[in-house]
Amino acid sequence: MLLLECPWCGGRNASEFAYAGEPMPRPDPESAGPAEWRGYLYLRANRCGWTRERWYHRAGCRRFFEIERNTQTHELRPVGGGAGGPDE
């Protein structure tokens, strides 16, 4: 069982959360071409080791936040604060 530490609600079971992917800057809708949008929507680094992830606490405070997770060991460490989700 994976436990995630929500900055607002504390430690909770990962089943309360929705994975929101790697934090990536959104392309400019006015200038981005199809290749740039394809990369933004579908391509991920899928790194082995420490990676930064966005999560959404759907069964709690309904906020987005970021954590760092080791993809080999599932060790977690906080990044701090919110991640600029729709509610912030």
PDB file of N, CA and C in Angstrom:
ATOM      1  N   MET A   1       0.846  -1.178   0.000  1.00  0.00           N
ATOM      2  CA  MET A   1       0.000   0.000   0.000  1.00  0.00           C
ATOM      3  C   MET A   1       0.890   1.240   0.000  1.00  0.00           C
ATOM      4  N   LEU A   2       0.593   2.167  -0.883  1.00  0.00           N
ATOM      5  CA  LEU A   2       1.334   3.417  -0.988  1.00  0.00           C
ATOM      6  C   LEU A   2       0.591   4.491  -0.205  1.00  0.00           C
ATOM      7  N   LEU A   3       1.303   5.151   0.707  1.00  0.00           N
ATOM      8  CA  LEU A   3       0.733   6.253   1.477  1.00  0.00           C
ATOM      9  C   LEU A   3       1.294   7.562   0.940  1.00  0.00           C
ATOM     10  N   LEU A   4       0.406   8.481   0.607  1.00  0.00           N
ATOM     11  CA  LEU A   4       0.815   9.804   0.139  1.00  0.00           C
ATOM     12  C   LEU A   4       0.534  10.827   1.224  1.00  0.00           C
ATOM     13  N   GLU A   5       1.406  11.805   1.316  1.00  0.00           N
ATOM     14  CA  GLU A   5       1.272  12.865   2.318  1.00  0.00           C
ATOM     15  C   GLU A   5       0.692  14.107   1.665  1.00  0.00           C
ATOM     16  N   CYS A   6      -0.603  14.327   1.851  1.00  0.00           N
ATOM     17  CA  CYS A   6      -1.247  15.537   1.340  1.00  0.00           C
ATOM     18  C   CYS A   6      -0.828  16.711   2.229  1.00  0.00           C
ATOM     19  N   PRO A   7      -0.385  17.823   1.645  1.00  0.00           N
ATOM     20  CA  PRO A   7       0.033  18.972   2.462  1.00  0.00           C
ATOM     21  C   PRO A   7      -1.084  19.535   3.329  1.00  0.00           C
ATOM     22  N   TRP A   8      -2.344  19.301   2.959  1.00  0.00           N
ATOM     23  CA  TRP A   8      -3.471  19.866   3.692  1.00  0.00           C
ATOM     24  C   TRP A   8      -4.175  18.849   4.592  1.00  0.00           C
ATOM     25  N   CYS A   9      -4.192  17.575   4.200  1.00  0.00           N
ATOM     26  CA  CYS A   9      -4.954  16.554   4.933  1.00  0.00           C
ATOM     27  C   CYS A   9      -4.087  15.542   5.672  1.00  0.00           C
ATOM     28  N   GLY A  10      -2.800  15.531   5.412  1.00  0.00           N
ATOM     29  CA  GLY A  10      -1.917  14.562   6.045  1.00  0.00           C
ATOM     30  C   GLY A  10      -1.813  13.268   5.247  1.00  0.00           C
ATOM     31  N   GLY A  11      -1.244  12.233   5.869  1.00  0.00           N
ATOM     32  CA  GLY A  11      -1.020  10.961   5.203  1.00  0.00           C
ATOM     33  C   GLY A  11      -2.317  10.223   4.912  1.00  0.00           C
ATOM     34  N   ARG A  12      -2.446   9.733   3.679  1.00  0.00           N
ATOM     35  CA  ARG A  12      -3.638   9.005   3.257  1.00  0.00           C
ATOM     36  C   ARG A  12      -3.241   7.880   2.301  1.00  0.00           C
ATOM     37  N   ASN A  13      -4.125   6.900   2.163  1.00  0.00           N
ATOM     38  CA  ASN A  13      -3.934   5.811   1.224  1.00  0.00           C
ATOM     39  C   ASN A  13      -3.966   6.371  -0.202  1.00  0.00           C
ATOM     40  N   ALA A  14      -3.114   5.846  -1.073  1.00  0.00           N
ATOM     41  CA  ALA A  14      -3.029   6.345  -2.448  1.00  0.00           C
ATOM     42  C   ALA A  14      -4.336   6.176  -3.223  1.00  0.00           C
ATOM     43  N   SER A  15      -5.228   5.308  -2.771  1.00  0.00           N
ATOM     44  CA  SER A  15      -6.503   5.122  -3.472  1.00  0.00           C
ATOM     45  C   SER A  15      -7.387   6.372  -3.412  1.00  0.00           C
ATOM     46  N   GLU A  16      -7.089   7.311  -2.493  1.00  0.00           N
ATOM     47  CA  GLU A  16      -7.841   8.566  -2.398  1.00  0.00           C
ATOM     48  C   GLU A  16      -7.398   9.594  -3.435  1.00  0.00           C
ATOM     49  N   PHE A  17      -6.317   9.314  -4.136  1.00  0.00           N
ATOM     50  CA  PHE A  17      -5.700  10.293  -5.027  1.00  0.00           C
ATOM     51  C   PHE A  17      -5.788   9.858  -6.481  1.00  0.00           C
ATOM     52  N   ALA A  18      -5.660  10.811  -7.362  1.00  0.00           N
ATOM     53  CA  ALA A  18      -5.559  10.557  -8.796  1.00  0.00           C
ATOM     54  C   ALA A  18      -4.200  11.076  -9.253  1.00  0.00           C
ATOM     55  N   TYR A  19      -3.474  10.233  -9.975  1.00  0.00           N
ATOM     56  CA  TYR A  19      -2.178  10.627 -10.516  1.00  0.00           C
ATOM     57  C   TYR A  19      -2.405  11.637 -11.635  1.00  0.00           C
ATOM     58  N   ALA A  20      -1.750  12.782 -11.559  1.00  0.00           N
ATOM     59  CA  ALA A  20      -1.949  13.842 -12.550  1.00  0.00           C
ATOM     60  C   ALA A  20      -0.729  14.013 -13.449  1.00  0.00           C
ATOM     61  N   GLY A  21       0.242  13.133 -13.351  1.00  0.00           N
ATOM     62  CA  GLY A  21       1.378  13.136 -14.268  1.00  0.00           C
ATOM     63  C   GLY A  21       2.549  13.976 -13.823  1.00  0.00           C
ATOM     64  N   GLU A  22       3.529  14.030 -14.720  1.00  0.00           N
ATOM     65  CA  GLU A  22       4.714  14.838 -14.490  1.00  0.00           C
ATOM     66  C   GLU A  22       4.359  16.311 -14.713  1.00  0.00           C
ATOM     67  N   PRO A  23       4.848  17.197 -13.859  1.00  0.00           N
ATOM     68  CA  PRO A  23       4.579  18.620 -14.098  1.00  0.00           C
ATOM     69  C   PRO A  23       5.318  19.088 -15.351  1.00  0.00           C
ATOM     70  N   MET A  24       4.562  19.595 -16.299  1.00  0.00           N
ATOM     71  CA  MET A  24       5.135  20.079 -17.559  1.00  0.00           C
ATOM     72  C   MET A  24       4.469  21.396 -17.922  1.00  0.00           C
ATOM     73  N   PRO A  25       5.233  22.329 -18.470  1.00  0.00           N
ATOM     74  CA  PRO A  25       4.602  23.584 -18.909  1.00  0.00           C
ATOM     75  C   PRO A  25       3.713  23.338 -20.124  1.00  0.00           C
ATOM     76  N   ARG A  26       2.549  23.930 -20.102  1.00  0.00           N
ATOM     77  CA  ARG A  26       1.595  23.775 -21.209  1.00  0.00           C
ATOM     78  C   ARG A  26       2.066  24.590 -22.417  1.00  0.00           C
ATOM     79  N   PRO A  27       2.006  24.005 -23.615  1.00  0.00           N
ATOM     80  CA  PRO A  27       2.407  24.760 -24.806  1.00  0.00           C
ATOM     81  C   PRO A  27       1.478  25.949 -25.057  1.00  0.00           C
ATOM     82  N   ASP A  28       2.001  26.947 -25.743  1.00  0.00           N
ATOM     83  CA  ASP A  28       1.207  28.112 -26.106  1.00  0.00           C
ATOM     84  C   ASP A  28       0.213  27.719 -27.202  1.00  0.00           C
ATOM     85  N   PRO A  29      -1.089  27.808 -26.948  1.00  0.00           N
ATOM     86  CA  PRO A  29      -2.076  27.405 -27.942  1.00  0.00           C
ATOM     87  C   PRO A  29      -1.980  28.176 -29.261  1.00  0.00           C
ATOM     88  N   GLU A  30      -1.466  29.380 -29.221  1.00  0.00           N
ATOM     89  CA  GLU A  30      -1.376  30.206 -30.425  1.00  0.00           C
ATOM     90  C   GLU A  30      -0.225  29.800 -31.342  1.00  0.00           C
ATOM     91  N   SER A  31       0.849  29.256 -30.769  1.00  0.00           N
ATOM     92  CA  SER A  31       2.032  28.991 -31.587  1.00  0.00           C
ATOM     93  C   SER A  31       2.442  27.520 -31.650  1.00  0.00           C
ATOM     94  N   ALA A  32       1.903  26.663 -30.794  1.00  0.00           N
ATOM     95  CA  ALA A  32       2.324  25.263 -30.758  1.00  0.00           C
ATOM     96  C   ALA A  32       1.764  24.486 -31.944  1.00  0.00           C
ATOM     97  N   GLY A  33       2.608  23.667 -32.513  1.00  0.00           N
ATOM     98  CA  GLY A  33       2.198  22.814 -33.620  1.00  0.00           C
ATOM     99  C   GLY A  33       1.780  21.441 -33.116  1.00  0.00           C
ATOM    100  N   PRO A  34       1.330  20.566 -34.010  1.00  0.00           N
ATOM    101  CA  PRO A  34       0.883  19.223 -33.624  1.00  0.00           C
ATOM    102  C   PRO A  34       1.947  18.400 -32.903  1.00  0.00           C
ATOM    103  N   ALA A  35       3.200  18.496 -33.322  1.00  0.00           N
ATOM    104  CA  ALA A  35       4.264  17.720 -32.681  1.00  0.00           C
ATOM    105  C   ALA A  35       4.464  18.151 -31.223  1.00  0.00           C
ATOM    106  N   GLU A  36       4.397  19.446 -30.965  1.00  0.00           N
ATOM    107  CA  GLU A  36       4.558  19.944 -29.594  1.00  0.00           C
ATOM    108  C   GLU A  36       3.391  19.497 -28.709  1.00  0.00           C
ATOM    109  N   TRP A  37       2.166  19.556 -29.236  1.00  0.00           N
ATOM    110  CA  TRP A  37       1.001  19.105 -28.471  1.00  0.00           C
ATOM    111  C   TRP A  37       1.061  17.597 -28.218  1.00  0.00           C
ATOM    112  N   ARG A  38       1.504  16.831 -29.199  1.00  0.00           N
ATOM    113  CA  ARG A  38       1.628  15.389 -29.037  1.00  0.00           C
ATOM    114  C   ARG A  38       2.610  15.067 -27.901  1.00  0.00           C
ATOM    115  N   GLY A  39       3.730  15.766 -27.890  1.00  0.00           N
ATOM    116  CA  GLY A  39       4.710  15.565 -26.825  1.00  0.00           C
ATOM    117  C   GLY A  39       4.158  15.911 -25.452  1.00  0.00           C
ATOM    118  N   TYR A  40       3.419  17.016 -25.382  1.00  0.00           N
ATOM    119  CA  TYR A  40       2.834  17.452 -24.112  1.00  0.00           C
ATOM    120  C   TYR A  40       1.785  16.462 -23.603  1.00  0.00           C
ATOM    121  N   LEU A  41       0.956  15.961 -24.501  1.00  0.00           N
ATOM    122  CA  LEU A  41      -0.149  15.091 -24.097  1.00  0.00           C
ATOM    123  C   LEU A  41       0.237  13.633 -23.863  1.00  0.00           C
ATOM    124  N   TYR A  42       1.199  13.127 -24.621  1.00  0.00           N
ATOM    125  CA  TYR A  42       1.423  11.682 -24.598  1.00  0.00           C
ATOM    126  C   TYR A  42       2.808  11.215 -24.180  1.00  0.00           C
ATOM    127  N   LEU A  43       3.831  12.016 -24.331  1.00  0.00           N
ATOM    128  CA  LEU A  43       5.187  11.551 -24.065  1.00  0.00           C
ATOM    129  C   LEU A  43       5.630  11.910 -22.651  1.00  0.00           C
ATOM    130  N   ARG A  44       6.141  10.919 -21.947  1.00  0.00           N
ATOM    131  CA  ARG A  44       6.631  11.118 -20.588  1.00  0.00           C
ATOM    132  C   ARG A  44       8.049  10.583 -20.471  1.00  0.00           C
ATOM    133  N   ALA A  45       8.814  11.122 -19.543  1.00  0.00           N
ATOM    134  CA  ALA A  45      10.208  10.718 -19.379  1.00  0.00           C
ATOM    135  C   ALA A  45      10.327   9.299 -18.814  1.00  0.00           C
ATOM    136  N   ASN A  46       9.432   8.920 -17.893  1.00  0.00           N
ATOM    137  CA  ASN A  46       9.445   7.584 -17.290  1.00  0.00           C
ATOM    138  C   ASN A  46      10.823   7.243 -16.726  1.00  0.00           C
ATOM    139  N   ARG A  47      11.339   8.122 -15.910  1.00  0.00           N
ATOM    140  CA  ARG A  47      12.681   7.964 -15.345  1.00  0.00           C
ATOM    141  C   ARG A  47      12.742   6.861 -14.291  1.00  0.00           C
ATOM    142  N   CYS A  48      13.905   6.292 -14.165  1.00  0.00           N
ATOM    143  CA  CYS A  48      14.183   5.340 -13.091  1.00  0.00           C
ATOM    144  C   CYS A  48      14.891   6.124 -11.989  1.00  0.00           C
ATOM    145  N   GLY A  49      14.331   6.133 -10.799  1.00  0.00           N
ATOM    146  CA  GLY A  49      14.898   6.905  -9.694  1.00  0.00           C
ATOM    147  C   GLY A  49      13.949   8.018  -9.282  1.00  0.00           C
ATOM    148  N   TRP A  50      14.507   9.125  -8.807  1.00  0.00           N
ATOM    149  CA  TRP A  50      13.689  10.232  -8.303  1.00  0.00           C
ATOM    150  C   TRP A  50      13.039  10.988  -9.448  1.00  0.00           C
ATOM    151  N   THR A  51      11.748  11.229  -9.310  1.00  0.00           N
ATOM    152  CA  THR A  51      10.981  11.989 -10.292  1.00  0.00           C
ATOM    153  C   THR A  51       9.945  12.838  -9.571  1.00  0.00           C
ATOM    154  N   ARG A  52       9.580  13.945 -10.176  1.00  0.00           N
ATOM    155  CA  ARG A  52       8.571  14.840  -9.603  1.00  0.00           C
ATOM    156  C   ARG A  52       7.216  14.482 -10.215  1.00  0.00           C
ATOM    157  N   GLU A  53       6.185  14.399  -9.362  1.00  0.00           N
ATOM    158  CA  GLU A  53       4.854  13.998  -9.812  1.00  0.00           C
ATOM    159  C   GLU A  53       3.798  14.936  -9.245  1.00  0.00           C
ATOM    160  N   ARG A  54       2.704  15.086  -9.992  1.00  0.00           N
ATOM    161  CA  ARG A  54       1.532  15.842  -9.519  1.00  0.00           C
ATOM    162  C   ARG A  54       0.453  14.843  -9.148  1.00  0.00           C
ATOM    163  N   TRP A  55      -0.211  15.104  -8.041  1.00  0.00           N
ATOM    164  CA  TRP A  55      -1.322  14.264  -7.583  1.00  0.00           C
ATOM    165  C   TRP A  55      -2.504  15.154  -7.238  1.00  0.00           C
ATOM    166  N   TYR A  56      -3.701  14.596  -7.367  1.00  0.00           N
ATOM    167  CA  TYR A  56      -4.941  15.305  -7.051  1.00  0.00           C
ATOM    168  C   TYR A  56      -5.653  14.527  -5.943  1.00  0.00           C
ATOM    169  N   HIS A  57      -5.985  15.184  -4.843  1.00  0.00           N
ATOM    170  CA  HIS A  57      -6.648  14.532  -3.717  1.00  0.00           C
ATOM    171  C   HIS A  57      -8.154  14.549  -3.948  1.00  0.00           C
ATOM    172  N   ARG A  58      -8.614  13.597  -4.727  1.00  0.00           N
ATOM    173  CA  ARG A  58     -10.021  13.559  -5.147  1.00  0.00           C
ATOM    174  C   ARG A  58     -10.974  13.188  -4.023  1.00  0.00           C
ATOM    175  N   ALA A  59     -10.546  12.404  -3.040  1.00  0.00           N
ATOM    176  CA  ALA A  59     -11.427  11.977  -1.957  1.00  0.00           C
ATOM    177  C   ALA A  59     -11.194  12.791  -0.685  1.00  0.00           C
ATOM    178  N   GLY A  60     -10.543  13.927  -0.812  1.00  0.00           N
ATOM    179  CA  GLY A  60     -10.253  14.753   0.357  1.00  0.00           C
ATOM    180  C   GLY A  60     -10.461  16.219   0.041  1.00  0.00           C
ATOM    181  N   CYS A  61      -9.385  16.974   0.091  1.00  0.00           N
ATOM    182  CA  CYS A  61      -9.464  18.429  -0.070  1.00  0.00           C
ATOM    183  C   CYS A  61      -9.640  18.883  -1.516  1.00  0.00           C
ATOM    184  N   ARG A  62      -9.521  17.971  -2.459  1.00  0.00           N
ATOM    185  CA  ARG A  62      -9.680  18.265  -3.895  1.00  0.00           C
ATOM    186  C   ARG A  62      -8.683  19.310  -4.387  1.00  0.00           C
ATOM    187  N   ARG A  63      -7.449  19.153  -3.954  1.00  0.00           N
ATOM    188  CA  ARG A  63      -6.379  20.052  -4.381  1.00  0.00           C
ATOM    189  C   ARG A  63      -5.270  19.253  -5.058  1.00  0.00           C
ATOM    190  N   PHE A  64      -4.528  19.951  -5.903  1.00  0.00           N
ATOM    191  CA  PHE A  64      -3.350  19.376  -6.539  1.00  0.00           C
ATOM    192  C   PHE A  64      -2.133  19.665  -5.675  1.00  0.00           C
ATOM    193  N   PHE A  65      -1.163  18.759  -5.690  1.00  0.00           N
ATOM    194  CA  PHE A  65       0.108  19.001  -5.033  1.00  0.00           C
ATOM    195  C   PHE A  65       1.182  18.185  -5.734  1.00  0.00           C
ATOM    196  N   GLU A  66       2.435  18.519  -5.478  1.00  0.00           N
ATOM    197  CA  GLU A  66       3.551  17.812  -6.081  1.00  0.00           C
ATOM    198  C   GLU A  66       4.359  17.099  -5.011  1.00  0.00           C
ATOM    199  N   ILE A  67       4.884  15.952  -5.387  1.00  0.00           N
ATOM    200  CA  ILE A  67       5.798  15.209  -4.534  1.00  0.00           C
ATOM    201  C   ILE A  67       6.947  14.715  -5.395  1.00  0.00           C
ATOM    202  N   GLU A  68       8.005  14.285  -4.753  1.00  0.00           N
ATOM    203  CA  GLU A  68       9.063  13.564  -5.434  1.00  0.00           C
ATOM    204  C   GLU A  68       8.967  12.124  -4.983  1.00  0.00           C
ATOM    205  N   ARG A  69       9.022  11.193  -5.960  1.00  0.00           N
ATOM    206  CA  ARG A  69       8.905   9.772  -5.657  1.00  0.00           C
ATOM    207  C   ARG A  69      10.018   9.022  -6.363  1.00  0.00           C
ATOM    208  N   ASN A  70      10.628   8.101  -5.623  1.00  0.00           N
ATOM    209  CA  ASN A  70      11.627   7.228  -6.207  1.00  0.00           C
ATOM    210  C   ASN A  70      10.879   6.077  -6.863  1.00  0.00           C
ATOM    211  N   THR A  71      10.974   5.943  -8.174  1.00  0.00           N
ATOM    212  CA  THR A  71      10.208   4.935  -8.891  1.00  0.00           C
ATOM    213  C   THR A  71      10.716   3.522  -8.643  1.00  0.00           C
ATOM    214  N   GLN A  72      11.889   3.367  -8.068  1.00  0.00           N
ATOM    215  CA  GLN A  72      12.402   2.039  -7.730  1.00  0.00           C
ATOM    216  C   GLN A  72      11.948   1.588  -6.347  1.00  0.00           C
ATOM    217  N   THR A  73      11.978   2.504  -5.386  1.00  0.00           N
ATOM    218  CA  THR A  73      11.702   2.133  -3.993  1.00  0.00           C
ATOM    219  C   THR A  73      10.360   2.660  -3.483  1.00  0.00           C
ATOM    220  N   HIS A  74       9.720   3.550  -4.215  1.00  0.00           N
ATOM    221  CA  HIS A  74       8.482   4.238  -3.822  1.00  0.00           C
ATOM    222  C   HIS A  74       8.676   5.115  -2.590  1.00  0.00           C
ATOM    223  N   GLU A  75       9.917   5.467  -2.281  1.00  0.00           N
ATOM    224  CA  GLU A  75      10.187   6.429  -1.211  1.00  0.00           C
ATOM    225  C   GLU A  75       9.663   7.786  -1.659  1.00  0.00           C
ATOM    226  N   LEU A  76       9.059   8.520  -0.747  1.00  0.00           N
ATOM    227  CA  LEU A  76       8.449   9.818  -1.061  1.00  0.00           C
ATOM    228  C   LEU A  76       9.135  10.926  -0.287  1.00  0.00           C
ATOM    229  N   ARG A  77       9.172  12.099  -0.891  1.00  0.00           N
ATOM    230  CA  ARG A  77       9.618  13.297  -0.173  1.00  0.00           C
ATOM    231  C   ARG A  77       8.804  14.482  -0.678  1.00  0.00           C
ATOM    232  N   PRO A  78       8.404  15.363   0.237  1.00  0.00           N
ATOM    233  CA  PRO A  78       7.566  16.502  -0.151  1.00  0.00           C
ATOM    234  C   PRO A  78       8.330  17.522  -0.961  1.00  0.00           C
ATOM    235  N   VAL A  79       7.611  18.214  -1.829  1.00  0.00           N
ATOM    236  CA  VAL A  79       8.175  19.305  -2.608  1.00  0.00           C
ATOM    237  C   VAL A  79       7.806  20.617  -1.955  1.00  0.00           C
ATOM    238  N   GLY A  80       6.636  20.643  -1.308  1.00  0.00           N
ATOM    239  CA  GLY A  80       6.165  21.831  -0.616  1.00  0.00           C
ATOM    240  C   GLY A  80       5.038  22.510  -1.347  1.00  0.00           C
ATOM    241  N   GLY A  81       4.098  23.031  -0.569  1.00  0.00           N
ATOM    242  CA  GLY A  81       3.000  23.817  -1.110  1.00  0.00           C
ATOM    243  C   GLY A  81       2.169  23.131  -2.167  1.00  0.00           C
ATOM    244  N   GLY A  82       1.261  23.889  -2.739  1.00  0.00           N
ATOM    245  CA  GLY A  82       0.410  23.386  -3.800  1.00  0.00           C
ATOM    246  C   GLY A  82       1.102  23.437  -5.146  1.00  0.00           C
ATOM    247  N   ALA A  83       0.406  22.950  -6.132  1.00  0.00           N
ATOM    248  CA  ALA A  83       1.005  22.870  -7.461  1.00  0.00           C
ATOM    249  C   ALA A  83       0.233  23.684  -8.482  1.00  0.00           C
ATOM    250  N   GLY A  84      -0.488  24.676  -8.039  1.00  0.00           N
ATOM    251  CA  GLY A  84      -1.176  25.543  -8.978  1.00  0.00           C
ATOM    252  C   GLY A  84      -2.315  24.883  -9.720  1.00  0.00           C
ATOM    253  N   GLY A  85      -3.039  24.026  -9.036  1.00  0.00           N
ATOM    254  CA  GLY A  85      -4.173  23.359  -9.660  1.00  0.00           C
ATOM    255  C   GLY A  85      -5.344  24.319  -9.860  1.00  0.00           C
ATOM    256  N   PRO A  86      -6.444  23.823 -10.375  1.00  0.00           N
ATOM    257  CA  PRO A  86      -7.588  24.687 -10.677  1.00  0.00           C
ATOM    258  C   PRO A  86      -8.160  25.411  -9.479  1.00  0.00           C
ATOM    259  N   ASP A  87      -8.007  24.862  -8.284  1.00  0.00           N
ATOM    260  CA  ASP A  87      -8.585  25.484  -7.092  1.00  0.00           C
ATOM    261  C   ASP A  87      -7.656  26.518  -6.463  1.00  0.00           C
ATOM    262  N   GLU A  88      -6.481  26.713  -7.016  1.00  0.00           N
ATOM    263  CA  GLU A  88      -5.524  27.634  -6.387  1.00  0.00           C
ATOM    264  C   GLU A  88      -5.329  28.874  -7.212  1.00  0.00           C
TER     265      GLU A  88
END
